[in-house]
Amino acid sequence: MENEDYPAMDLLINSELIYQHFGQWPIFAHFEVSKAIFETHPTGRGSVTFTLSHQKDCQLQIQFSGIQEMVFENFRGQNVLHELLFEERGSLIKATFISDSGLEAMIVADEAIVLSLSAN
């Protein structure tokens, strides 16, 4: 899938689920990060899985594996995004969570995958 406006979207495995649901690539404004699960793996690759909800419209799970760099601050009872940016960083993917309220995060990982997107 090619997207000239958001080229890093092609690095996000299963990104077509997001595009198909919204009909375009969203900026993720008003999504709420309700859960973050950190895991270690026998391979030595750490991962974090975020659950994001969008105004009772849908729930989205995105997992980042092979974390190379991470900032994770201000996770609170309500973590509302202003924007979620995906960028290429060489062969890696970088995600920046820009907040209206709560969580501020940045992750650089080997891989990012949309695990699920369910409509409510």
PDB file of N, CA and C in Angstrom:
ATOM      1  N   MET A   1       0.847  -1.167   0.000  1.00  0.00           N
ATOM      2  CA  MET A   1       0.000   0.000   0.000  1.00  0.00           C
ATOM      3  C   MET A   1       0.894   1.233   0.000  1.00  0.00           C
ATOM      4  N   GLU A   2       0.635   2.180  -0.895  1.00  0.00           N
ATOM      5  CA  GLU A   2       1.416   3.403  -0.939  1.00  0.00           C
ATOM      6  C   GLU A   2       0.563   4.572  -0.487  1.00  0.00           C
ATOM      7  N   ASN A   3       1.141   5.429   0.308  1.00  0.00           N
ATOM      8  CA  ASN A   3       0.436   6.605   0.771  1.00  0.00           C
ATOM      9  C   ASN A   3       1.423   7.748   0.798  1.00  0.00           C
ATOM     10  N   GLU A   4       1.311   8.661  -0.157  1.00  0.00           N
ATOM     11  CA  GLU A   4       2.268   9.756  -0.285  1.00  0.00           C
ATOM     12  C   GLU A   4       2.221  10.726   0.894  1.00  0.00           C
ATOM     13  N   ASP A   5       1.023  10.926   1.484  1.00  0.00           N
ATOM     14  CA  ASP A   5       0.897  11.867   2.592  1.00  0.00           C
ATOM     15  C   ASP A   5       1.465  11.312   3.897  1.00  0.00           C
ATOM     16  N   TYR A   6       1.389  10.002   4.081  1.00  0.00           N
ATOM     17  CA  TYR A   6       1.845   9.351   5.314  1.00  0.00           C
ATOM     18  C   TYR A   6       2.682   8.123   4.960  1.00  0.00           C
ATOM     19  N   PRO A   7       3.900   8.308   4.459  1.00  0.00           N
ATOM     20  CA  PRO A   7       4.694   7.167   3.994  1.00  0.00           C
ATOM     21  C   PRO A   7       5.028   6.158   5.086  1.00  0.00           C
ATOM     22  N   ALA A   8       5.164   6.578   6.338  1.00  0.00           N
ATOM     23  CA  ALA A   8       5.514   5.645   7.411  1.00  0.00           C
ATOM     24  C   ALA A   8       4.369   4.696   7.724  1.00  0.00           C
ATOM     25  N   MET A   9       3.165   5.020   7.281  1.00  0.00           N
ATOM     26  CA  MET A   9       2.031   4.134   7.503  1.00  0.00           C
ATOM     27  C   MET A   9       2.303   2.772   6.880  1.00  0.00           C
ATOM     28  N   ASP A  10       3.094   2.738   5.805  1.00  0.00           N
ATOM     29  CA  ASP A  10       3.428   1.471   5.154  1.00  0.00           C
ATOM     30  C   ASP A  10       4.309   0.586   6.035  1.00  0.00           C
ATOM     31  N   LEU A  11       4.989   1.187   7.023  1.00  0.00           N
ATOM     32  CA  LEU A  11       5.814   0.415   7.952  1.00  0.00           C
ATOM     33  C   LEU A  11       4.983  -0.240   9.054  1.00  0.00           C
ATOM     34  N   LEU A  12       3.780   0.251   9.250  1.00  0.00           N
ATOM     35  CA  LEU A  12       2.897  -0.271  10.288  1.00  0.00           C
ATOM     36  C   LEU A  12       2.150  -1.479   9.718  1.00  0.00           C
ATOM     37  N   ILE A  13       2.507  -2.667  10.166  1.00  0.00           N
ATOM     38  CA  ILE A  13       1.914  -3.902   9.664  1.00  0.00           C
ATOM     39  C   ILE A  13       0.414  -3.909   9.965  1.00  0.00           C
ATOM     40  N   ASN A  14      -0.382  -4.281   8.997  1.00  0.00           N
ATOM     41  CA  ASN A  14      -1.853  -4.298   9.076  1.00  0.00           C
ATOM     42  C   ASN A  14      -2.461  -2.897   9.148  1.00  0.00           C
ATOM     43  N   SER A  15      -1.743  -1.877   8.694  1.00  0.00           N
ATOM     44  CA  SER A  15      -2.268  -0.505   8.726  1.00  0.00           C
ATOM     45  C   SER A  15      -3.533  -0.361   7.892  1.00  0.00           C
ATOM     46  N   GLU A  16      -3.734  -1.268   6.937  1.00  0.00           N
ATOM     47  CA  GLU A  16      -4.947  -1.196   6.100  1.00  0.00           C
ATOM     48  C   GLU A  16      -6.220  -1.320   6.932  1.00  0.00           C
ATOM     49  N   LEU A  17      -6.146  -1.964   8.113  1.00  0.00           N
ATOM     50  CA  LEU A  17      -7.320  -2.052   8.994  1.00  0.00           C
ATOM     51  C   LEU A  17      -7.775  -0.664   9.437  1.00  0.00           C
ATOM     52  N   ILE A  18      -6.822   0.202   9.736  1.00  0.00           N
ATOM     53  CA  ILE A  18      -7.131   1.569  10.154  1.00  0.00           C
ATOM     54  C   ILE A  18      -7.701   2.355   8.978  1.00  0.00           C
ATOM     55  N   TYR A  19      -7.030   2.255   7.850  1.00  0.00           N
ATOM     56  CA  TYR A  19      -7.458   2.984   6.658  1.00  0.00           C
ATOM     57  C   TYR A  19      -8.863   2.560   6.232  1.00  0.00           C
ATOM     58  N   GLN A  20      -9.127   1.256   6.253  1.00  0.00           N
ATOM     59  CA  GLN A  20     -10.442   0.757   5.844  1.00  0.00           C
ATOM     60  C   GLN A  20     -11.546   1.223   6.798  1.00  0.00           C
ATOM     61  N   HIS A  21     -11.255   1.241   8.086  1.00  0.00           N
ATOM     62  CA  HIS A  21     -12.270   1.640   9.064  1.00  0.00           C
ATOM     63  C   HIS A  21     -12.637   3.123   8.927  1.00  0.00           C
ATOM     64  N   PHE A  22     -11.618   3.985   8.798  1.00  0.00           N
ATOM     65  CA  PHE A  22     -11.852   5.425   8.766  1.00  0.00           C
ATOM     66  C   PHE A  22     -12.006   5.990   7.356  1.00  0.00           C
ATOM     67  N   GLY A  23     -11.624   5.222   6.334  1.00  0.00           N
ATOM     68  CA  GLY A  23     -11.707   5.707   4.966  1.00  0.00           C
ATOM     69  C   GLY A  23     -10.572   6.634   4.581  1.00  0.00           C
ATOM     70  N   GLN A  24      -9.684   6.888   5.509  1.00  0.00           N
ATOM     71  CA  GLN A  24      -8.497   7.722   5.310  1.00  0.00           C
ATOM     72  C   GLN A  24      -7.572   7.491   6.492  1.00  0.00           C
ATOM     73  N   TRP A  25      -6.386   8.030   6.435  1.00  0.00           N
ATOM     74  CA  TRP A  25      -5.461   7.887   7.554  1.00  0.00           C
ATOM     75  C   TRP A  25      -5.779   8.958   8.583  1.00  0.00           C
ATOM     76  N   PRO A  26      -6.197   8.596   9.817  1.00  0.00           N
ATOM     77  CA  PRO A  26      -6.562   9.597  10.832  1.00  0.00           C
ATOM     78  C   PRO A  26      -5.330  10.196  11.504  1.00  0.00           C
ATOM     79  N   ILE A  27      -5.516  11.327  12.161  1.00  0.00           N
ATOM     80  CA  ILE A  27      -4.422  11.897  12.962  1.00  0.00           C
ATOM     81  C   ILE A  27      -4.499  11.397  14.403  1.00  0.00           C
ATOM     82  N   PHE A  28      -5.541  10.626  14.713  1.00  0.00           N
ATOM     83  CA  PHE A  28      -5.747  10.011  16.026  1.00  0.00           C
ATOM     84  C   PHE A  28      -6.122  11.017  17.103  1.00  0.00           C
ATOM     85  N   ALA A  29      -6.653  12.183  16.689  1.00  0.00           N
ATOM     86  CA  ALA A  29      -7.145  13.164  17.656  1.00  0.00           C
ATOM     87  C   ALA A  29      -8.324  12.567  18.413  1.00  0.00           C
ATOM     88  N   HIS A  30      -8.353  12.801  19.713  1.00  0.00           N
ATOM     89  CA  HIS A  30      -9.417  12.364  20.616  1.00  0.00           C
ATOM     90  C   HIS A  30      -9.414  10.854  20.880  1.00  0.00           C
ATOM     91  N   PHE A  31      -8.406  10.139  20.406  1.00  0.00           N
ATOM     92  CA  PHE A  31      -8.247   8.747  20.827  1.00  0.00           C
ATOM     93  C   PHE A  31      -7.758   8.769  22.264  1.00  0.00           C
ATOM     94  N   GLU A  32      -8.220   7.825  23.059  1.00  0.00           N
ATOM     95  CA  GLU A  32      -7.757   7.720  24.441  1.00  0.00           C
ATOM     96  C   GLU A  32      -6.936   6.451  24.600  1.00  0.00           C
ATOM     97  N   VAL A  33      -5.743   6.593  25.168  1.00  0.00           N
ATOM     98  CA  VAL A  33      -4.897   5.440  25.466  1.00  0.00           C
ATOM     99  C   VAL A  33      -5.350   4.907  26.818  1.00  0.00           C
ATOM    100  N   SER A  34      -5.995   3.739  26.804  1.00  0.00           N
ATOM    101  CA  SER A  34      -6.565   3.195  28.042  1.00  0.00           C
ATOM    102  C   SER A  34      -5.692   2.121  28.674  1.00  0.00           C
ATOM    103  N   LYS A  35      -4.751   1.574  27.888  1.00  0.00           N
ATOM    104  CA  LYS A  35      -3.929   0.488  28.429  1.00  0.00           C
ATOM    105  C   LYS A  35      -2.578   0.462  27.719  1.00  0.00           C
ATOM    106  N   ALA A  36      -1.541   0.133  28.476  1.00  0.00           N
ATOM    107  CA  ALA A  36      -0.206  -0.096  27.934  1.00  0.00           C
ATOM    108  C   ALA A  36       0.354  -1.332  28.640  1.00  0.00           C
ATOM    109  N   ILE A  37       0.669  -2.360  27.867  1.00  0.00           N
ATOM    110  CA  ILE A  37       1.200  -3.609  28.434  1.00  0.00           C
ATOM    111  C   ILE A  37       2.630  -3.792  27.950  1.00  0.00           C
ATOM    112  N   PHE A  38       3.558  -3.831  28.896  1.00  0.00           N
ATOM    113  CA  PHE A  38       4.978  -4.028  28.590  1.00  0.00           C
ATOM    114  C   PHE A  38       5.327  -5.497  28.806  1.00  0.00           C
ATOM    115  N   GLU A  39       6.072  -6.081  27.864  1.00  0.00           N
ATOM    116  CA  GLU A  39       6.444  -7.487  27.973  1.00  0.00           C
ATOM    117  C   GLU A  39       7.902  -7.683  27.565  1.00  0.00           C
ATOM    118  N   THR A  40       8.523  -8.674  28.185  1.00  0.00           N
ATOM    119  CA  THR A  40       9.835  -9.132  27.734  1.00  0.00           C
ATOM    120  C   THR A  40       9.633 -10.475  27.042  1.00  0.00           C
ATOM    121  N   HIS A  41      10.547 -10.803  26.152  1.00  0.00           N
ATOM    122  CA  HIS A  41      10.441 -12.032  25.385  1.00  0.00           C
ATOM    123  C   HIS A  41      11.759 -12.800  25.484  1.00  0.00           C
ATOM    124  N   PRO A  42      11.729 -14.129  25.367  1.00  0.00           N
ATOM    125  CA  PRO A  42      12.954 -14.927  25.436  1.00  0.00           C
ATOM    126  C   PRO A  42      14.006 -14.509  24.409  1.00  0.00           C
ATOM    127  N   THR A  43      13.563 -13.885  23.323  1.00  0.00           N
ATOM    128  CA  THR A  43      14.492 -13.429  22.283  1.00  0.00           C
ATOM    129  C   THR A  43      15.265 -12.196  22.724  1.00  0.00           C
ATOM    130  N   GLY A  44      14.864 -11.604  23.850  1.00  0.00           N
ATOM    131  CA  GLY A  44      15.507 -10.387  24.317  1.00  0.00           C
ATOM    132  C   GLY A  44      14.839  -9.129  23.768  1.00  0.00           C
ATOM    133  N   ARG A  45      13.856  -9.307  22.915  1.00  0.00           N
ATOM    134  CA  ARG A  45      13.131  -8.171  22.326  1.00  0.00           C
ATOM    135  C   ARG A  45      11.970  -7.788  23.234  1.00  0.00           C
ATOM    136  N   GLY A  46      11.998  -6.576  23.731  1.00  0.00           N
ATOM    137  CA  GLY A  46      10.882  -6.091  24.528  1.00  0.00           C
ATOM    138  C   GLY A  46       9.773  -5.577  23.631  1.00  0.00           C
ATOM    139  N   SER A  47       8.552  -5.550  24.168  1.00  0.00           N
ATOM    140  CA  SER A  47       7.431  -5.007  23.405  1.00  0.00           C
ATOM    141  C   SER A  47       6.496  -4.246  24.328  1.00  0.00           C
ATOM    142  N   VAL A  48       5.708  -3.388  23.720  1.00  0.00           N
ATOM    143  CA  VAL A  48       4.638  -2.692  24.417  1.00  0.00           C
ATOM    144  C   VAL A  48       3.423  -2.694  23.496  1.00  0.00           C
ATOM    145  N   THR A  49       2.272  -3.004  24.076  1.00  0.00           N
ATOM    146  CA  THR A  49       1.018  -3.009  23.341  1.00  0.00           C
ATOM    147  C   THR A  49       0.117  -1.928  23.921  1.00  0.00           C
ATOM    148  N   PHE A  50      -0.335  -1.020  23.055  1.00  0.00           N
ATOM    149  CA  PHE A  50      -1.225   0.061  23.463  1.00  0.00           C
ATOM    150  C   PHE A  50      -2.642  -0.250  23.010  1.00  0.00           C
ATOM    151  N   THR A  51      -3.598  -0.005  23.891  1.00  0.00           N
ATOM    152  CA  THR A  51      -5.009  -0.066  23.533  1.00  0.00           C
ATOM    153  C   THR A  51      -5.514   1.365  23.477  1.00  0.00           C
ATOM    154  N   LEU A  52      -6.061   1.729  22.315  1.00  0.00           N
ATOM    155  CA  LEU A  52      -6.596   3.066  22.099  1.00  0.00           C
ATOM    156  C   LEU A  52      -8.079   2.958  21.772  1.00  0.00           C
ATOM    157  N   SER A  53      -8.867   3.837  22.368  1.00  0.00           N
ATOM    158  CA  SER A  53     -10.313   3.866  22.109  1.00  0.00           C
ATOM    159  C   SER A  53     -10.660   5.201  21.470  1.00  0.00           C
ATOM    160  N   HIS A  54     -11.613   5.155  20.543  1.00  0.00           N
ATOM    161  CA  HIS A  54     -12.035   6.375  19.865  1.00  0.00           C
ATOM    162  C   HIS A  54     -13.523   6.611  20.086  1.00  0.00           C
ATOM    163  N   GLN A  55     -13.856   7.452  21.039  1.00  0.00           N
ATOM    164  CA  GLN A  55     -15.212   7.916  21.307  1.00  0.00           C
ATOM    165  C   GLN A  55     -16.285   6.844  21.102  1.00  0.00           C
ATOM    166  N   LYS A  56     -16.084   5.704  21.667  1.00  0.00           N
ATOM    167  CA  LYS A  56     -17.023   4.572  21.592  1.00  0.00           C
ATOM    168  C   LYS A  56     -17.236   4.071  20.165  1.00  0.00           C
ATOM    169  N   ASP A  57     -16.433   4.564  19.224  1.00  0.00           N
ATOM    170  CA  ASP A  57     -16.543   4.164  17.824  1.00  0.00           C
ATOM    171  C   ASP A  57     -15.760   2.887  17.554  1.00  0.00           C
ATOM    172  N   CYS A  58     -14.556   2.816  18.124  1.00  0.00           N
ATOM    173  CA  CYS A  58     -13.728   1.633  17.904  1.00  0.00           C
ATOM    174  C   CYS A  58     -12.659   1.504  18.982  1.00  0.00           C
ATOM    175  N   GLN A  59     -12.069   0.325  19.030  1.00  0.00           N
ATOM    176  CA  GLN A  59     -10.938   0.057  19.918  1.00  0.00           C
ATOM    177  C   GLN A  59      -9.824  -0.514  19.056  1.00  0.00           C
ATOM    178  N   LEU A  60      -8.624  -0.002  19.258  1.00  0.00           N
ATOM    179  CA  LEU A  60      -7.476  -0.324  18.430  1.00  0.00           C
ATOM    180  C   LEU A  60      -6.334  -0.796  19.312  1.00  0.00           C
ATOM    181  N   GLN A  61      -5.665  -1.880  18.901  1.00  0.00           N
ATOM    182  CA  GLN A  61      -4.467  -2.340  19.612  1.00  0.00           C
ATOM    183  C   GLN A  61      -3.281  -2.299  18.661  1.00  0.00           C
ATOM    184  N   ILE A  62      -2.226  -1.602  19.098  1.00  0.00           N
ATOM    185  CA  ILE A  62      -0.987  -1.506  18.325  1.00  0.00           C
ATOM    186  C   ILE A  62       0.154  -1.990  19.204  1.00  0.00           C
ATOM    187  N   GLN A  63       0.962  -2.916  18.654  1.00  0.00           N
ATOM    188  CA  GLN A  63       2.103  -3.453  19.400  1.00  0.00           C
ATOM    189  C   GLN A  63       3.402  -3.024  18.729  1.00  0.00           C
ATOM    190  N   PHE A  64       4.344  -2.585  19.557  1.00  0.00           N
ATOM    191  CA  PHE A  64       5.686  -2.228  19.107  1.00  0.00           C
ATOM    192  C   PHE A  64       6.646  -3.268  19.660  1.00  0.00           C
ATOM    193  N   SER A  65       7.424  -3.903  18.784  1.00  0.00           N
ATOM    194  CA  SER A  65       8.370  -4.954  19.197  1.00  0.00           C
ATOM    195  C   SER A  65       9.793  -4.547  18.846  1.00  0.00           C
ATOM    196  N   GLY A  66      10.727  -5.068  19.636  1.00  0.00           N
ATOM    197  CA  GLY A  66      12.131  -4.731  19.411  1.00  0.00           C
ATOM    198  C   GLY A  66      12.384  -3.272  19.722  1.00  0.00           C
ATOM    199  N   ILE A  67      11.974  -2.857  20.912  1.00  0.00           N
ATOM    200  CA  ILE A  67      12.078  -1.444  21.299  1.00  0.00           C
ATOM    201  C   ILE A  67      13.551  -1.051  21.395  1.00  0.00           C
ATOM    202  N   GLN A  68      13.910  -0.003  20.667  1.00  0.00           N
ATOM    203  CA  GLN A  68      15.275   0.516  20.651  1.00  0.00           C
ATOM    204  C   GLN A  68      15.423   1.749  21.540  1.00  0.00           C
ATOM    205  N   GLU A  69      14.329   2.507  21.643  1.00  0.00           N
ATOM    206  CA  GLU A  69      14.338   3.759  22.394  1.00  0.00           C
ATOM    207  C   GLU A  69      12.900   4.044  22.825  1.00  0.00           C
ATOM    208  N   MET A  70      12.741   4.601  24.036  1.00  0.00           N
ATOM    209  CA  MET A  70      11.378   4.869  24.483  1.00  0.00           C
ATOM    210  C   MET A  70      11.353   5.961  25.549  1.00  0.00           C
ATOM    211  N   VAL A  71      10.330   6.806  25.453  1.00  0.00           N
ATOM    212  CA  VAL A  71       9.980   7.778  26.486  1.00  0.00           C
ATOM    213  C   VAL A  71       8.525   7.484  26.824  1.00  0.00           C
ATOM    214  N   PHE A  72       8.201   7.372  28.101  1.00  0.00           N
ATOM    215  CA  PHE A  72       6.842   7.056  28.541  1.00  0.00           C
ATOM    216  C   PHE A  72       6.585   7.858  29.805  1.00  0.00           C
ATOM    217  N   GLU A  73       5.789   8.935  29.694  1.00  0.00           N
ATOM    218  CA  GLU A  73       5.583   9.844  30.822  1.00  0.00           C
ATOM    219  C   GLU A  73       4.115  10.219  30.978  1.00  0.00           C
ATOM    220  N   ASN A  74       3.740  10.542  32.200  1.00  0.00           N
ATOM    221  CA  ASN A  74       2.442  11.127  32.537  1.00  0.00           C
ATOM    222  C   ASN A  74       1.241  10.236  32.229  1.00  0.00           C
ATOM    223  N   PHE A  75       1.395   8.922  32.333  1.00  0.00           N
ATOM    224  CA  PHE A  75       0.256   8.021  32.141  1.00  0.00           C
ATOM    225  C   PHE A  75      -0.673   8.199  33.326  1.00  0.00           C
ATOM    226  N   ARG A  76      -1.918   8.581  33.047  1.00  0.00           N
ATOM    227  CA  ARG A  76      -2.873   8.923  34.117  1.00  0.00           C
ATOM    228  C   ARG A  76      -4.195   8.211  33.902  1.00  0.00           C
ATOM    229  N   GLY A  77      -5.187   8.634  34.643  1.00  0.00           N
ATOM    230  CA  GLY A  77      -6.528   8.073  34.521  1.00  0.00           C
ATOM    231  C   GLY A  77      -7.175   8.372  33.185  1.00  0.00           C
ATOM    232  N   GLN A  78      -6.788   9.487  32.566  1.00  0.00           N
ATOM    233  CA  GLN A  78      -7.281   9.832  31.237  1.00  0.00           C
ATOM    234  C   GLN A  78      -6.100  10.289  30.398  1.00  0.00           C
ATOM    235  N   ASN A  79      -5.940   9.659  29.227  1.00  0.00           N
ATOM    236  CA  ASN A  79      -4.798   9.912  28.357  1.00  0.00           C
ATOM    237  C   ASN A  79      -5.315  10.144  26.941  1.00  0.00           C
ATOM    238  N   VAL A  80      -5.683  11.394  26.675  1.00  0.00           N
ATOM    239  CA  VAL A  80      -6.315  11.743  25.406  1.00  0.00           C
ATOM    240  C   VAL A  80      -5.265  12.300  24.447  1.00  0.00           C
ATOM    241  N   LEU A  81      -5.238  11.723  23.248  1.00  0.00           N
ATOM    242  CA  LEU A  81      -4.267  12.147  22.247  1.00  0.00           C
ATOM    243  C   LEU A  81      -4.739  13.356  21.455  1.00  0.00           C
ATOM    244  N   HIS A  82      -3.780  14.171  21.101  1.00  0.00           N
ATOM    245  CA  HIS A  82      -3.988  15.242  20.130  1.00  0.00           C
ATOM    246  C   HIS A  82      -3.616  14.719  18.746  1.00  0.00           C
ATOM    247  N   GLU A  83      -2.545  13.886  18.733  1.00  0.00           N
ATOM    248  CA  GLU A  83      -2.058  13.329  17.475  1.00  0.00           C
ATOM    249  C   GLU A  83      -1.146  12.147  17.771  1.00  0.00           C
ATOM    250  N   LEU A  84      -1.105  11.205  16.843  1.00  0.00           N
ATOM    251  CA  LEU A  84      -0.173  10.079  16.895  1.00  0.00           C
ATOM    252  C   LEU A  84       0.546  10.063  15.561  1.00  0.00           C
ATOM    253  N   LEU A  85       1.853  10.294  15.611  1.00  0.00           N
ATOM    254  CA  LEU A  85       2.661  10.386  14.395  1.00  0.00           C
ATOM    255  C   LEU A  85       3.508   9.141  14.219  1.00  0.00           C
ATOM    256  N   PHE A  86       3.585   8.648  12.998  1.00  0.00           N
ATOM    257  CA  PHE A  86       4.467   7.537  12.647  1.00  0.00           C
ATOM    258  C   PHE A  86       5.488   8.053  11.652  1.00  0.00           C
ATOM    259  N   GLU A  87       6.770   7.747  11.922  1.00  0.00           N
ATOM    260  CA  GLU A  87       7.845   8.203  11.047  1.00  0.00           C
ATOM    261  C   GLU A  87       8.825   7.069  10.797  1.00  0.00           C
ATOM    262  N   GLU A  88       9.477   7.122   9.644  1.00  0.00           N
ATOM    263  CA  GLU A  88      10.560   6.191   9.356  1.00  0.00           C
ATOM    264  C   GLU A  88      11.818   6.704  10.026  1.00  0.00           C
ATOM    265  N   ARG A  89      12.567   5.796  10.611  1.00  0.00           N
ATOM    266  CA  ARG A  89      13.887   6.127  11.152  1.00  0.00           C
ATOM    267  C   ARG A  89      14.819   5.021  10.686  1.00  0.00           C
ATOM    268  N   GLY A  90      15.331   5.172   9.466  1.00  0.00           N
ATOM    269  CA  GLY A  90      16.116   4.106   8.849  1.00  0.00           C
ATOM    270  C   GLY A  90      15.207   2.917   8.610  1.00  0.00           C
ATOM    271  N   SER A  91      15.594   1.759   9.124  1.00  0.00           N
ATOM    272  CA  SER A  91      14.762   0.560   8.988  1.00  0.00           C
ATOM    273  C   SER A  91      13.776   0.416  10.153  1.00  0.00           C
ATOM    274  N   LEU A  92      13.789   1.380  11.065  1.00  0.00           N
ATOM    275  CA  LEU A  92      12.934   1.335  12.251  1.00  0.00           C
ATOM    276  C   LEU A  92      11.703   2.218  12.059  1.00  0.00           C
ATOM    277  N   ILE A  93      10.730   2.053  12.956  1.00  0.00           N
ATOM    278  CA  ILE A  93       9.551   2.908  12.962  1.00  0.00           C
ATOM    279  C   ILE A  93       9.524   3.685  14.271  1.00  0.00           C
ATOM    280  N   LYS A  94       9.201   4.960  14.161  1.00  0.00           N
ATOM    281  CA  LYS A  94       9.107   5.827  15.336  1.00  0.00           C
ATOM    282  C   LYS A  94       7.662   6.284  15.474  1.00  0.00           C
ATOM    283  N   ALA A  95       7.132   6.180  16.675  1.00  0.00           N
ATOM    284  CA  ALA A  95       5.782   6.668  16.973  1.00  0.00           C
ATOM    285  C   ALA A  95       5.878   7.714  18.071  1.00  0.00           C
ATOM    286  N   THR A  96       5.219   8.840  17.857  1.00  0.00           N
ATOM    287  CA  THR A  96       5.190   9.910  18.842  1.00  0.00           C
ATOM    288  C   THR A  96       3.741  10.164  19.231  1.00  0.00           C
ATOM    289  N   PHE A  97       3.445   9.993  20.518  1.00  0.00           N
ATOM    290  CA  PHE A  97       2.119  10.214  21.072  1.00  0.00           C
ATOM    291  C   PHE A  97       2.086  11.643  21.609  1.00  0.00           C
ATOM    292  N   ILE A  98       1.373  12.530  20.935  1.00  0.00           N
ATOM    293  CA  ILE A  98       1.242  13.928  21.351  1.00  0.00           C
ATOM    294  C   ILE A  98      -0.098  14.053  22.063  1.00  0.00           C
ATOM    295  N   SER A  99      -0.048  14.525  23.284  1.00  0.00           N
ATOM    296  CA  SER A  99      -1.209  14.443  24.169  1.00  0.00           C
ATOM    297  C   SER A  99      -1.946  15.762  24.335  1.00  0.00           C
ATOM    298  N   ASP A 100      -3.268  15.648  24.482  1.00  0.00           N
ATOM    299  CA  ASP A 100      -4.075  16.754  24.983  1.00  0.00           C
ATOM    300  C   ASP A 100      -4.143  16.670  26.499  1.00  0.00           C
ATOM    301  N   SER A 101      -4.069  15.424  27.018  1.00  0.00           N
ATOM    302  CA  SER A 101      -4.180  15.184  28.449  1.00  0.00           C
ATOM    303  C   SER A 101      -3.500  13.861  28.784  1.00  0.00           C
ATOM    304  N   GLY A 102      -2.562  13.878  29.707  1.00  0.00           N
ATOM    305  CA  GLY A 102      -1.949  12.635  30.162  1.00  0.00           C
ATOM    306  C   GLY A 102      -0.731  12.216  29.353  1.00  0.00           C
ATOM    307  N   LEU A 103      -0.760  10.983  28.897  1.00  0.00           N
ATOM    308  CA  LEU A 103       0.398  10.306  28.318  1.00  0.00           C
ATOM    309  C   LEU A 103       1.118  11.108  27.248  1.00  0.00           C
ATOM    310  N   GLU A 104       2.424  11.196  27.414  1.00  0.00           N
ATOM    311  CA  GLU A 104       3.352  11.687  26.389  1.00  0.00           C
ATOM    312  C   GLU A 104       4.326  10.540  26.168  1.00  0.00           C
ATOM    313  N   ALA A 105       4.443  10.066  24.935  1.00  0.00           N
ATOM    314  CA  ALA A 105       5.315   8.922  24.680  1.00  0.00           C
ATOM    315  C   ALA A 105       5.966   9.031  23.314  1.00  0.00           C
ATOM    316  N   MET A 106       7.127   8.378  23.212  1.00  0.00           N
ATOM    317  CA  MET A 106       7.843   8.254  21.960  1.00  0.00           C
ATOM    318  C   MET A 106       8.480   6.877  21.976  1.00  0.00           C
ATOM    319  N   ILE A 107       8.329   6.138  20.874  1.00  0.00           N
ATOM    320  CA  ILE A 107       8.879   4.791  20.780  1.00  0.00           C
ATOM    321  C   ILE A 107       9.567   4.640  19.433  1.00  0.00           C
ATOM    322  N   VAL A 108      10.760   4.082  19.464  1.00  0.00           N
ATOM    323  CA  VAL A 108      11.453   3.671  18.239  1.00  0.00           C
ATOM    324  C   VAL A 108      11.601   2.159  18.354  1.00  0.00           C
ATOM    325  N   ALA A 109      11.083   1.436  17.358  1.00  0.00           N
ATOM    326  CA  ALA A 109      11.048  -0.022  17.437  1.00  0.00           C
ATOM    327  C   ALA A 109      11.379  -0.651  16.091  1.00  0.00           C
ATOM    328  N   ASP A 110      11.747  -1.931  16.162  1.00  0.00           N
ATOM    329  CA  ASP A 110      12.009  -2.694  14.942  1.00  0.00           C
ATOM    330  C   ASP A 110      10.742  -2.882  14.126  1.00  0.00           C
ATOM    331  N   GLU A 111       9.617  -3.021  14.833  1.00  0.00           N
ATOM    332  CA  GLU A 111       8.381  -3.410  14.168  1.00  0.00           C
ATOM    333  C   GLU A 111       7.178  -2.852  14.921  1.00  0.00           C
ATOM    334  N   ALA A 112       6.153  -2.479  14.178  1.00  0.00           N
ATOM    335  CA  ALA A 112       4.878  -2.075  14.761  1.00  0.00           C
ATOM    336  C   ALA A 112       3.769  -2.778  13.984  1.00  0.00           C
ATOM    337  N   ILE A 113       2.794  -3.287  14.717  1.00  0.00           N
ATOM    338  CA  ILE A 113       1.717  -4.046  14.085  1.00  0.00           C
ATOM    339  C   ILE A 113       0.374  -3.670  14.697  1.00  0.00           C
ATOM    340  N   VAL A 114      -0.624  -3.506  13.838  1.00  0.00           N
ATOM    341  CA  VAL A 114      -1.993  -3.339  14.316  1.00  0.00           C
ATOM    342  C   VAL A 114      -2.502  -4.742  14.634  1.00  0.00           C
ATOM    343  N   LEU A 115      -2.664  -5.038  15.921  1.00  0.00           N
ATOM    344  CA  LEU A 115      -3.128  -6.358  16.342  1.00  0.00           C
ATOM    345  C   LEU A 115      -4.617  -6.521  16.105  1.00  0.00           C
ATOM    346  N   SER A 116      -5.369  -5.459  16.353  1.00  0.00           N
ATOM    347  CA  SER A 116      -6.820  -5.540  16.161  1.00  0.00           C
ATOM    348  C   SER A 116      -7.418  -4.150  16.058  1.00  0.00           C
ATOM    349  N   LEU A 117      -8.555  -4.104  15.389  1.00  0.00           N
ATOM    350  CA  LEU A 117      -9.381  -2.909  15.350  1.00  0.00           C
ATOM    351  C   LEU A 117     -10.820  -3.417  15.354  1.00  0.00           C
ATOM    352  N   SER A 118     -11.525  -3.111  16.433  1.00  0.00           N
ATOM    353  CA  SER A 118     -12.900  -3.585  16.539  1.00  0.00           C
ATOM    354  C   SER A 118     -13.836  -2.405  16.659  1.00  0.00           C
ATOM    355  N   ALA A 119     -14.885  -2.413  15.865  1.00  0.00           N
ATOM    356  CA  ALA A 119     -15.908  -1.371  15.928  1.00  0.00           C
ATOM    357  C   ALA A 119     -16.854  -1.679  17.082  1.00  0.00           C
ATOM    358  N   ASN A 120     -17.236  -0.659  17.805  1.00  0.00           N
ATOM    359  CA  ASN A 120     -18.164  -0.827  18.926  1.00  0.00           C
ATOM    360  C   ASN A 120     -19.591  -0.668  18.471  1.00  0.00           C
TER     361      ASN A 120
END
